[in-house]
Amino acid sequence: MIAIYKRELKSYFTSMIGYVYLAFMCVVVGIYFMAYNLYQGYPYAAYALYGCNFVYLISMPFLTMRSMAEDRKTKTDQLLLTAPVKVSSVVVGKFLAMASMLAISCLIFCLYPLVIRIFGTSYALAADYNAILTYFLMGCVYIGVGLFISSLCESQIIAVVASFGVCFLLYMWPSLVGFLPTSAYTNLLMLAAVIVIVALIIYALSRNWLLSVILCIGGVGASCIVYRVNSDLFDSLITNALGTFSITDALYDVAVNQVFDLSGILMYLSLIALSIFLTIQCLQRRRWS
């Protein structure tokens, strides 16, 4: 894993990708820092980070597009898949290399609260650095998503477009969830659809049709029974459940309310672990196919 990590990290600096990424992140966040903190005089650097969290929609797809797609296109993935190294080590090594690039930019952002402290008045250094940590973990979520999508694609162009689409969906998630209906019967139907989709995913990963059928019939049947007993439990059920997966809420709590959102941090870590797991499963399936 260490060898793969070093190779991937070095590749970002032997090409223009690493320099362009760092320059783009520093310029965009620097503009917001200048506008919010230096010009308007806000005492929290976290405002600038929250204001420009959209930058991940552009930077992360370009950072992750070559992580797996390039190896697949040049057929060097066959060397990795047949080498005496675990697939998990390959995936984690590539992820850590991209996370290191993100960490370098976040280390630069750590200077911003000190600038406010030296030349102005900073009321919450702890909140600013908590915001930088949250900002870093949010970026790791986008990296995990881009890594997984890159493992599904052979073309870097397709990978960057698909990654942008999924990242945009995550960014707009709270607004999109607000359009969902709140009636109990409609939420029952949506829950049944989710159970069926989960059963299909389990079948695609395990090829165990019996487990998938039991999960599908059991889950839908149990939902119908609960609905018959107390339909009020299904009012806004899907809307409230999906609303908890908003990846911007944790950063908002730190940046605006100066509150450390532990549940949001745990959600970030869970999404990162899930994306790495899905990438490993994708490569494992290709390895033995």
C-alpha atoms as a PDB file:
ATOM      1  CA  MET A   1       0.000   0.000   0.000  1.00  0.00           C
ATOM      2  CA  ILE A   2       2.825   2.400   0.852  1.00  0.00           C
ATOM      3  CA  ALA A   3       4.451   1.857  -2.547  1.00  0.00           C
ATOM      4  CA  ILE A   4       1.173   2.567  -4.337  1.00  0.00           C
ATOM      5  CA  TYR A   5       0.593   5.620  -2.161  1.00  0.00           C
ATOM      6  CA  LYS A   6       4.035   7.015  -2.971  1.00  0.00           C
ATOM      7  CA  ARG A   7       3.637   6.313  -6.674  1.00  0.00           C
ATOM      8  CA  GLU A   8       0.238   7.992  -6.869  1.00  0.00           C
ATOM      9  CA  LEU A   9       1.284  10.998  -4.804  1.00  0.00           C
ATOM     10  CA  LYS A  10       4.431  11.452  -6.885  1.00  0.00           C
ATOM     11  CA  SER A  11       2.410  11.258 -10.097  1.00  0.00           C
ATOM     12  CA  TYR A  12       0.423  14.344  -9.082  1.00  0.00           C
ATOM     13  CA  PHE A  13       3.618  16.382  -8.921  1.00  0.00           C
ATOM     14  CA  THR A  14       5.302  14.921 -12.001  1.00  0.00           C
ATOM     15  CA  SER A  15       2.288  16.084 -14.008  1.00  0.00           C
ATOM     16  CA  MET A  16       0.355  19.347 -13.899  1.00  0.00           C
ATOM     17  CA  ILE A  17      -2.683  17.873 -12.119  1.00  0.00           C
ATOM     18  CA  GLY A  18      -1.350  18.396  -8.594  1.00  0.00           C
ATOM     19  CA  TYR A  19      -0.167  21.947  -9.182  1.00  0.00           C
ATOM     20  CA  VAL A  20      -3.337  22.977 -11.007  1.00  0.00           C
ATOM     21  CA  TYR A  21      -5.490  21.457  -8.271  1.00  0.00           C
ATOM     22  CA  LEU A  22      -3.632  23.239  -5.455  1.00  0.00           C
ATOM     23  CA  ALA A  23      -3.593  26.512  -7.333  1.00  0.00           C
ATOM     24  CA  PHE A  24      -7.306  26.302  -8.098  1.00  0.00           C
ATOM     25  CA  MET A  25      -8.247  25.509  -4.485  1.00  0.00           C
ATOM     26  CA  CYS A  26      -6.040  28.256  -3.052  1.00  0.00           C
ATOM     27  CA  VAL A  27      -7.283  30.872  -5.518  1.00  0.00           C
ATOM     28  CA  VAL A  28     -10.991  30.157  -5.003  1.00  0.00           C
ATOM     29  CA  VAL A  29     -10.835  29.853  -1.208  1.00  0.00           C
ATOM     30  CA  GLY A  30      -8.466  32.830  -1.069  1.00  0.00           C
ATOM     31  CA  ILE A  31     -10.958  34.991  -2.951  1.00  0.00           C
ATOM     32  CA  TYR A  32     -13.703  34.096  -0.509  1.00  0.00           C
ATOM     33  CA  PHE A  33     -11.357  34.680   2.438  1.00  0.00           C
ATOM     34  CA  MET A  34     -10.494  38.103   1.083  1.00  0.00           C
ATOM     35  CA  ALA A  35     -14.165  38.971   0.468  1.00  0.00           C
ATOM     36  CA  TYR A  36     -15.590  37.680   3.741  1.00  0.00           C
ATOM     37  CA  ASN A  37     -12.773  38.230   6.228  1.00  0.00           C
ATOM     38  CA  LEU A  38     -10.411  40.880   4.889  1.00  0.00           C
ATOM     39  CA  TYR A  39     -12.911  43.104   3.105  1.00  0.00           C
ATOM     40  CA  GLN A  40     -16.152  42.666   5.079  1.00  0.00           C
ATOM     41  CA  GLY A  41     -14.380  41.990   8.360  1.00  0.00           C
ATOM     42  CA  TYR A  42     -16.002  38.728   9.463  1.00  0.00           C
ATOM     43  CA  PRO A  43     -13.956  37.329  12.375  1.00  0.00           C
ATOM     44  CA  TYR A  44     -14.419  33.671  11.409  1.00  0.00           C
ATOM     45  CA  ALA A  45     -12.413  32.062   8.613  1.00  0.00           C
ATOM     46  CA  ALA A  46     -14.999  29.272   8.638  1.00  0.00           C
ATOM     47  CA  TYR A  47     -17.385  31.592   6.761  1.00  0.00           C
ATOM     48  CA  ALA A  48     -15.084  31.540   3.752  1.00  0.00           C
ATOM     49  CA  LEU A  49     -14.881  27.736   3.773  1.00  0.00           C
ATOM     50  CA  TYR A  50     -18.631  27.327   3.971  1.00  0.00           C
ATOM     51  CA  GLY A  51     -19.199  29.926   1.277  1.00  0.00           C
ATOM     52  CA  CYS A  52     -17.001  28.122  -1.240  1.00  0.00           C
ATOM     53  CA  ASN A  53     -17.759  24.465  -0.467  1.00  0.00           C
ATOM     54  CA  PHE A  54     -19.065  24.273  -4.045  1.00  0.00           C
ATOM     55  CA  VAL A  55     -15.438  24.257  -5.207  1.00  0.00           C
ATOM     56  CA  TYR A  56     -15.396  20.491  -4.611  1.00  0.00           C
ATOM     57  CA  LEU A  57     -17.865  20.057  -7.465  1.00  0.00           C
ATOM     58  CA  ILE A  58     -15.149  21.161  -9.881  1.00  0.00           C
ATOM     59  CA  SER A  59     -11.872  20.165  -8.251  1.00  0.00           C
ATOM     60  CA  MET A  60     -12.620  16.660  -6.996  1.00  0.00           C
ATOM     61  CA  PRO A  61     -13.854  15.124 -10.281  1.00  0.00           C
ATOM     62  CA  PHE A  62     -10.652  16.287 -11.996  1.00  0.00           C
ATOM     63  CA  LEU A  63      -8.498  15.040  -9.124  1.00  0.00           C
ATOM     64  CA  THR A  64     -10.091  11.575  -9.087  1.00  0.00           C
ATOM     65  CA  MET A  65     -10.806  11.006 -12.775  1.00  0.00           C
ATOM     66  CA  ARG A  66      -7.499   9.273 -13.507  1.00  0.00           C
ATOM     67  CA  SER A  67      -7.260   7.268 -10.279  1.00  0.00           C
ATOM     68  CA  MET A  68      -8.781   4.074 -11.714  1.00  0.00           C
ATOM     69  CA  ALA A  69      -9.917   4.969 -15.236  1.00  0.00           C
ATOM     70  CA  GLU A  70      -6.383   5.615 -16.509  1.00  0.00           C
ATOM     71  CA  ASP A  71      -5.130   2.236 -15.274  1.00  0.00           C
ATOM     72  CA  ARG A  72      -8.093   0.534 -16.919  1.00  0.00           C
ATOM     73  CA  LYS A  73      -7.567   2.325 -20.226  1.00  0.00           C
ATOM     74  CA  THR A  74      -3.826   1.637 -20.389  1.00  0.00           C
ATOM     75  CA  LYS A  75      -4.351  -1.935 -19.101  1.00  0.00           C
ATOM     76  CA  THR A  76      -1.972  -1.363 -16.203  1.00  0.00           C
ATOM     77  CA  ASP A  77      -4.806  -2.366 -13.884  1.00  0.00           C
ATOM     78  CA  GLN A  78      -4.110  -5.963 -14.932  1.00  0.00           C
ATOM     79  CA  LEU A  79      -0.670  -5.664 -13.355  1.00  0.00           C
ATOM     80  CA  LEU A  80      -2.181  -4.376 -10.126  1.00  0.00           C
ATOM     81  CA  LEU A  81      -4.930  -7.006 -10.049  1.00  0.00           C
ATOM     82  CA  THR A  82      -2.502  -9.866 -10.675  1.00  0.00           C
ATOM     83  CA  ALA A  83       0.267  -8.543  -8.421  1.00  0.00           C
ATOM     84  CA  PRO A  84       0.800 -10.107  -4.984  1.00  0.00           C
ATOM     85  CA  VAL A  85      -0.931  -7.222  -3.275  1.00  0.00           C
ATOM     86  CA  LYS A  86      -4.405  -6.937  -1.857  1.00  0.00           C
ATOM     87  CA  VAL A  87      -7.003  -5.029  -3.835  1.00  0.00           C
ATOM     88  CA  SER A  88      -7.856  -3.150  -0.652  1.00  0.00           C
ATOM     89  CA  SER A  89      -4.250  -1.941  -0.443  1.00  0.00           C
ATOM     90  CA  VAL A  90      -4.452  -0.621  -4.002  1.00  0.00           C
ATOM     91  CA  VAL A  91      -7.683   1.260  -3.336  1.00  0.00           C
ATOM     92  CA  VAL A  92      -6.632   2.640   0.045  1.00  0.00           C
ATOM     93  CA  GLY A  93      -3.241   3.691  -1.329  1.00  0.00           C
ATOM     94  CA  LYS A  94      -4.850   5.644  -4.153  1.00  0.00           C
ATOM     95  CA  PHE A  95      -7.406   7.177  -1.786  1.00  0.00           C
ATOM     96  CA  LEU A  96      -4.742   8.289   0.685  1.00  0.00           C
ATOM     97  CA  ALA A  97      -2.715   9.874  -2.106  1.00  0.00           C
ATOM     98  CA  MET A  98      -5.673  12.010  -3.162  1.00  0.00           C
ATOM     99  CA  ALA A  99      -6.540  12.746   0.467  1.00  0.00           C
ATOM    100  CA  SER A 100      -2.952  13.938   0.931  1.00  0.00           C
ATOM    101  CA  MET A 101      -3.403  16.408  -1.912  1.00  0.00           C
ATOM    102  CA  LEU A 102      -6.518  17.688  -0.179  1.00  0.00           C
ATOM    103  CA  ALA A 103      -4.664  17.825   3.143  1.00  0.00           C
ATOM    104  CA  ILE A 104      -1.947  20.026   1.602  1.00  0.00           C
ATOM    105  CA  SER A 105      -4.540  22.579   0.543  1.00  0.00           C
ATOM    106  CA  CYS A 106      -6.212  22.418   3.967  1.00  0.00           C
ATOM    107  CA  LEU A 107      -2.852  23.026   5.663  1.00  0.00           C
ATOM    108  CA  ILE A 108      -2.602  26.234   3.646  1.00  0.00           C
ATOM    109  CA  PHE A 109      -6.091  27.170   4.827  1.00  0.00           C
ATOM    110  CA  CYS A 110      -4.873  26.758   8.413  1.00  0.00           C
ATOM    111  CA  LEU A 111      -2.975  30.009   7.955  1.00  0.00           C
ATOM    112  CA  TYR A 112      -6.171  32.014   7.463  1.00  0.00           C
ATOM    113  CA  PRO A 113      -7.302  32.042  11.139  1.00  0.00           C
ATOM    114  CA  LEU A 114      -3.783  33.125  12.111  1.00  0.00           C
ATOM    115  CA  VAL A 115      -3.941  35.991   9.623  1.00  0.00           C
ATOM    116  CA  ILE A 116      -7.195  37.148  11.239  1.00  0.00           C
ATOM    117  CA  ARG A 117      -5.637  36.776  14.688  1.00  0.00           C
ATOM    118  CA  ILE A 118      -2.531  38.793  13.762  1.00  0.00           C
ATOM    119  CA  PHE A 119      -4.133  41.594  11.791  1.00  0.00           C
ATOM    120  CA  GLY A 120      -7.579  41.657  13.380  1.00  0.00           C
ATOM    121  CA  THR A 121      -9.658  39.969  16.049  1.00  0.00           C
ATOM    122  CA  SER A 122     -10.386  36.238  15.968  1.00  0.00           C
ATOM    123  CA  TYR A 123     -13.074  35.117  18.410  1.00  0.00           C
ATOM    124  CA  ALA A 124     -12.999  31.377  17.785  1.00  0.00           C
ATOM    125  CA  LEU A 125      -9.783  29.776  16.607  1.00  0.00           C
ATOM    126  CA  ALA A 126     -11.083  26.370  17.705  1.00  0.00           C
ATOM    127  CA  ALA A 127     -14.216  26.772  15.578  1.00  0.00           C
ATOM    128  CA  ASP A 128     -12.135  27.783  12.565  1.00  0.00           C
ATOM    129  CA  TYR A 129      -9.895  24.751  12.831  1.00  0.00           C
ATOM    130  CA  ASN A 130     -12.902  22.511  13.445  1.00  0.00           C
ATOM    131  CA  ALA A 131     -14.345  23.939  10.235  1.00  0.00           C
ATOM    132  CA  ILE A 132     -11.118  23.126   8.364  1.00  0.00           C
ATOM    133  CA  LEU A 133     -11.245  19.551   9.691  1.00  0.00           C
ATOM    134  CA  THR A 134     -14.887  19.236   8.658  1.00  0.00           C
ATOM    135  CA  TYR A 135     -14.056  20.764   5.282  1.00  0.00           C
ATOM    136  CA  PHE A 136     -11.292  18.197   4.828  1.00  0.00           C
ATOM    137  CA  LEU A 137     -13.570  15.265   5.682  1.00  0.00           C
ATOM    138  CA  MET A 138     -16.241  16.589   3.334  1.00  0.00           C
ATOM    139  CA  GLY A 139     -13.631  16.661   0.585  1.00  0.00           C
ATOM    140  CA  CYS A 140     -12.690  13.066   1.411  1.00  0.00           C
ATOM    141  CA  VAL A 141     -16.323  12.089   0.829  1.00  0.00           C
ATOM    142  CA  TYR A 142     -16.155  13.612  -2.645  1.00  0.00           C
ATOM    143  CA  ILE A 143     -12.823  11.839  -3.223  1.00  0.00           C
ATOM    144  CA  GLY A 144     -14.385   8.512  -2.264  1.00  0.00           C
ATOM    145  CA  VAL A 145     -17.291   9.093  -4.634  1.00  0.00           C
ATOM    146  CA  GLY A 146     -14.954  10.051  -7.481  1.00  0.00           C
ATOM    147  CA  LEU A 147     -12.718   7.052  -6.791  1.00  0.00           C
ATOM    148  CA  PHE A 148     -15.659   4.654  -6.988  1.00  0.00           C
ATOM    149  CA  ILE A 149     -16.997   6.190 -10.194  1.00  0.00           C
ATOM    150  CA  SER A 150     -13.520   6.136 -11.742  1.00  0.00           C
ATOM    151  CA  SER A 151     -13.344   2.392 -11.020  1.00  0.00           C
ATOM    152  CA  LEU A 152     -16.505   1.935 -13.099  1.00  0.00           C
ATOM    153  CA  CYS A 153     -15.239   3.880 -16.116  1.00  0.00           C
ATOM    154  CA  GLU A 154     -12.571   3.366 -18.710  1.00  0.00           C
ATOM    155  CA  SER A 155     -12.634   6.900 -20.072  1.00  0.00           C
ATOM    156  CA  GLN A 156     -11.412   9.772 -17.925  1.00  0.00           C
ATOM    157  CA  ILE A 157     -13.906  12.099 -19.617  1.00  0.00           C
ATOM    158  CA  ILE A 158     -16.816   9.864 -18.650  1.00  0.00           C
ATOM    159  CA  ALA A 159     -15.390   9.567 -15.138  1.00  0.00           C
ATOM    160  CA  VAL A 160     -15.134  13.331 -14.635  1.00  0.00           C
ATOM    161  CA  VAL A 161     -18.633  13.975 -16.027  1.00  0.00           C
ATOM    162  CA  ALA A 162     -20.212  11.208 -13.950  1.00  0.00           C
ATOM    163  CA  SER A 163     -18.339  12.313 -10.827  1.00  0.00           C
ATOM    164  CA  PHE A 164     -19.499  15.878 -11.327  1.00  0.00           C
ATOM    165  CA  GLY A 165     -23.096  14.674 -11.691  1.00  0.00           C
ATOM    166  CA  VAL A 166     -23.000  12.647  -8.473  1.00  0.00           C
ATOM    167  CA  CYS A 167     -21.159  15.382  -6.555  1.00  0.00           C
ATOM    168  CA  PHE A 168     -23.726  17.922  -7.761  1.00  0.00           C
ATOM    169  CA  LEU A 169     -26.484  15.594  -6.554  1.00  0.00           C
ATOM    170  CA  LEU A 170     -24.851  15.421  -3.112  1.00  0.00           C
ATOM    171  CA  TYR A 171     -24.429  19.193  -3.036  1.00  0.00           C
ATOM    172  CA  MET A 172     -28.088  19.784  -3.936  1.00  0.00           C
ATOM    173  CA  TRP A 173     -29.348  16.947  -1.727  1.00  0.00           C
ATOM    174  CA  PRO A 174     -31.165  19.070   0.915  1.00  0.00           C
ATOM    175  CA  SER A 175     -33.053  21.016  -1.749  1.00  0.00           C
ATOM    176  CA  LEU A 176     -33.954  17.898  -3.718  1.00  0.00           C
ATOM    177  CA  VAL A 177     -35.220  16.068  -0.626  1.00  0.00           C
ATOM    178  CA  GLY A 178     -37.556  18.990   0.053  1.00  0.00           C
ATOM    179  CA  PHE A 179     -39.469  18.193  -3.152  1.00  0.00           C
ATOM    180  CA  LEU A 180     -40.417  14.704  -1.965  1.00  0.00           C
ATOM    181  CA  PRO A 181     -44.058  14.122  -0.928  1.00  0.00           C
ATOM    182  CA  THR A 182     -44.818  13.792   2.772  1.00  0.00           C
ATOM    183  CA  SER A 183     -48.022  11.708   2.773  1.00  0.00           C
ATOM    184  CA  ALA A 184     -47.897   8.393   4.617  1.00  0.00           C
ATOM    185  CA  TYR A 185     -49.056   6.241   1.679  1.00  0.00           C
ATOM    186  CA  THR A 186     -46.534   7.781  -0.724  1.00  0.00           C
ATOM    187  CA  ASN A 187     -43.739   7.280   1.788  1.00  0.00           C
ATOM    188  CA  LEU A 188     -44.779   3.631   2.141  1.00  0.00           C
ATOM    189  CA  LEU A 189     -44.429   3.187  -1.631  1.00  0.00           C
ATOM    190  CA  MET A 190     -41.034   4.921  -1.635  1.00  0.00           C
ATOM    191  CA  LEU A 191     -39.853   2.739   1.262  1.00  0.00           C
ATOM    192  CA  ALA A 192     -40.929  -0.363  -0.633  1.00  0.00           C
ATOM    193  CA  ALA A 193     -39.000   0.865  -3.683  1.00  0.00           C
ATOM    194  CA  VAL A 194     -35.890   1.421  -1.548  1.00  0.00           C
ATOM    195  CA  ILE A 195     -36.152  -2.116  -0.134  1.00  0.00           C
ATOM    196  CA  VAL A 196     -36.424  -3.566  -3.638  1.00  0.00           C
ATOM    197  CA  ILE A 197     -33.379  -1.563  -4.805  1.00  0.00           C
ATOM    198  CA  VAL A 198     -31.351  -2.725  -1.788  1.00  0.00           C
ATOM    199  CA  ALA A 199     -32.332  -6.325  -2.521  1.00  0.00           C
ATOM    200  CA  LEU A 200     -31.207  -5.940  -6.146  1.00  0.00           C
ATOM    201  CA  ILE A 201     -27.879  -4.451  -5.035  1.00  0.00           C
ATOM    202  CA  ILE A 202     -27.317  -7.355  -2.636  1.00  0.00           C
ATOM    203  CA  TYR A 203     -28.069  -9.808  -5.425  1.00  0.00           C
ATOM    204  CA  ALA A 204     -25.670  -8.003  -7.779  1.00  0.00           C
ATOM    205  CA  LEU A 205     -22.889  -8.209  -5.178  1.00  0.00           C
ATOM    206  CA  SER A 206     -23.508 -11.683  -3.765  1.00  0.00           C
ATOM    207  CA  ARG A 207     -25.491 -13.496  -6.498  1.00  0.00           C
ATOM    208  CA  ASN A 208     -27.553 -14.987  -3.665  1.00  0.00           C
ATOM    209  CA  TRP A 209     -31.112 -14.803  -4.984  1.00  0.00           C
ATOM    210  CA  LEU A 210     -32.612 -16.493  -1.911  1.00  0.00           C
ATOM    211  CA  LEU A 211     -31.254 -13.839   0.453  1.00  0.00           C
ATOM    212  CA  SER A 212     -32.410 -11.071  -1.889  1.00  0.00           C
ATOM    213  CA  VAL A 213     -35.941 -12.490  -2.194  1.00  0.00           C
ATOM    214  CA  ILE A 214     -36.248 -12.978   1.577  1.00  0.00           C
ATOM    215  CA  LEU A 215     -35.053  -9.421   2.207  1.00  0.00           C
ATOM    216  CA  CYS A 216     -37.412  -7.993  -0.424  1.00  0.00           C
ATOM    217  CA  ILE A 217     -40.554  -9.878   0.627  1.00  0.00           C
ATOM    218  CA  GLY A 218     -39.803  -9.601   4.354  1.00  0.00           C
ATOM    219  CA  GLY A 219     -39.004  -5.912   4.227  1.00  0.00           C
ATOM    220  CA  VAL A 220     -42.006  -4.932   2.103  1.00  0.00           C
ATOM    221  CA  GLY A 221     -44.333  -7.160   4.130  1.00  0.00           C
ATOM    222  CA  ALA A 222     -43.130  -5.762   7.458  1.00  0.00           C
ATOM    223  CA  SER A 223     -43.562  -2.208   6.162  1.00  0.00           C
ATOM    224  CA  CYS A 224     -47.143  -2.919   5.090  1.00  0.00           C
ATOM    225  CA  ILE A 225     -47.959  -4.427   8.493  1.00  0.00           C
ATOM    226  CA  VAL A 226     -46.558  -1.418  10.341  1.00  0.00           C
ATOM    227  CA  TYR A 227     -48.501   0.880   8.003  1.00  0.00           C
ATOM    228  CA  ARG A 228     -51.734  -0.938   8.785  1.00  0.00           C
ATOM    229  CA  VAL A 229     -51.091  -0.661  12.525  1.00  0.00           C
ATOM    230  CA  ASN A 230     -50.023   2.992  12.601  1.00  0.00           C
ATOM    231  CA  SER A 231     -49.846   4.883   9.322  1.00  0.00           C
ATOM    232  CA  ASP A 232     -48.785   8.101  11.069  1.00  0.00           C
ATOM    233  CA  LEU A 233     -45.276   6.678  11.430  1.00  0.00           C
ATOM    234  CA  PHE A 234     -44.825   7.023   7.673  1.00  0.00           C
ATOM    235  CA  ASP A 235     -45.590  10.740   7.506  1.00  0.00           C
ATOM    236  CA  SER A 236     -42.455  12.391   6.016  1.00  0.00           C
ATOM    237  CA  LEU A 237     -40.505   9.211   6.847  1.00  0.00           C
ATOM    238  CA  ILE A 238     -38.387   9.119   3.688  1.00  0.00           C
ATOM    239  CA  THR A 239     -37.950  12.912   3.646  1.00  0.00           C
ATOM    240  CA  ASN A 240     -36.657  12.969   7.221  1.00  0.00           C
ATOM    241  CA  ALA A 241     -34.448   9.908   6.695  1.00  0.00           C
ATOM    242  CA  LEU A 242     -32.865  11.201   3.497  1.00  0.00           C
ATOM    243  CA  GLY A 243     -32.474  14.676   4.981  1.00  0.00           C
ATOM    244  CA  THR A 244     -30.013  13.313   7.534  1.00  0.00           C
ATOM    245  CA  PHE A 245     -27.546  12.576   4.704  1.00  0.00           C
ATOM    246  CA  SER A 246     -26.958  16.227   3.856  1.00  0.00           C
ATOM    247  CA  ILE A 247     -23.173  16.578   3.707  1.00  0.00           C
ATOM    248  CA  THR A 248     -23.223  20.353   4.092  1.00  0.00           C
ATOM    249  CA  ASP A 249     -25.042  20.472   7.437  1.00  0.00           C
ATOM    250  CA  ALA A 250     -21.982  19.573   9.522  1.00  0.00           C
ATOM    251  CA  LEU A 251     -19.929  22.354   7.950  1.00  0.00           C
ATOM    252  CA  TYR A 252     -22.825  24.784   8.395  1.00  0.00           C
ATOM    253  CA  ASP A 253     -23.074  23.955  12.120  1.00  0.00           C
ATOM    254  CA  VAL A 254     -19.372  24.628  12.635  1.00  0.00           C
ATOM    255  CA  ALA A 255     -19.100  27.686  10.381  1.00  0.00           C
ATOM    256  CA  VAL A 256     -22.290  29.497  11.377  1.00  0.00           C
ATOM    257  CA  ASN A 257     -23.201  28.177  14.828  1.00  0.00           C
ATOM    258  CA  GLN A 258     -19.673  27.263  16.041  1.00  0.00           C
ATOM    259  CA  VAL A 259     -20.992  23.829  17.052  1.00  0.00           C
ATOM    260  CA  PHE A 260     -18.929  20.683  16.482  1.00  0.00           C
ATOM    261  CA  ASP A 261     -21.271  18.245  14.725  1.00  0.00           C
ATOM    262  CA  LEU A 262     -20.115  14.795  15.831  1.00  0.00           C
ATOM    263  CA  SER A 263     -22.955  13.042  14.011  1.00  0.00           C
ATOM    264  CA  GLY A 264     -21.949  14.797  10.799  1.00  0.00           C
ATOM    265  CA  ILE A 265     -18.334  13.705  11.230  1.00  0.00           C
ATOM    266  CA  LEU A 266     -19.451  10.106  11.765  1.00  0.00           C
ATOM    267  CA  MET A 267     -21.591  10.337   8.651  1.00  0.00           C
ATOM    268  CA  TYR A 268     -18.583  11.572   6.646  1.00  0.00           C
ATOM    269  CA  LEU A 269     -16.471   8.676   7.904  1.00  0.00           C
ATOM    270  CA  SER A 270     -19.255   6.208   7.100  1.00  0.00           C
ATOM    271  CA  LEU A 271     -19.648   7.524   3.555  1.00  0.00           C
ATOM    272  CA  ILE A 272     -15.876   7.388   3.040  1.00  0.00           C
ATOM    273  CA  ALA A 273     -15.755   3.781   4.258  1.00  0.00           C
ATOM    274  CA  LEU A 274     -18.737   2.868   2.069  1.00  0.00           C
ATOM    275  CA  SER A 275     -17.198   4.363  -1.075  1.00  0.00           C
ATOM    276  CA  ILE A 276     -13.886   2.577  -0.447  1.00  0.00           C
ATOM    277  CA  PHE A 277     -15.741  -0.698   0.173  1.00  0.00           C
ATOM    278  CA  LEU A 278     -17.734  -0.354  -3.062  1.00  0.00           C
ATOM    279  CA  THR A 279     -14.555   0.409  -5.015  1.00  0.00           C
ATOM    280  CA  ILE A 280     -12.857  -2.674  -3.568  1.00  0.00           C
ATOM    281  CA  GLN A 281     -15.867  -4.834  -4.454  1.00  0.00           C
ATOM    282  CA  CYS A 282     -15.868  -3.459  -7.999  1.00  0.00           C
ATOM    283  CA  LEU A 283     -12.194  -4.305  -8.496  1.00  0.00           C
ATOM    284  CA  GLN A 284     -12.577  -7.707  -6.843  1.00  0.00           C
ATOM    285  CA  ARG A 285     -15.365  -8.595  -9.213  1.00  0.00           C
ATOM    286  CA  ARG A 286     -13.253  -7.527 -12.196  1.00  0.00           C
ATOM    287  CA  ARG A 287     -10.274  -9.417 -10.807  1.00  0.00           C
ATOM    288  CA  TRP A 288     -12.077 -12.750 -10.711  1.00  0.00           C
ATOM    289  CA  SER A 289     -14.252 -12.286 -13.788  1.00  0.00           C
END
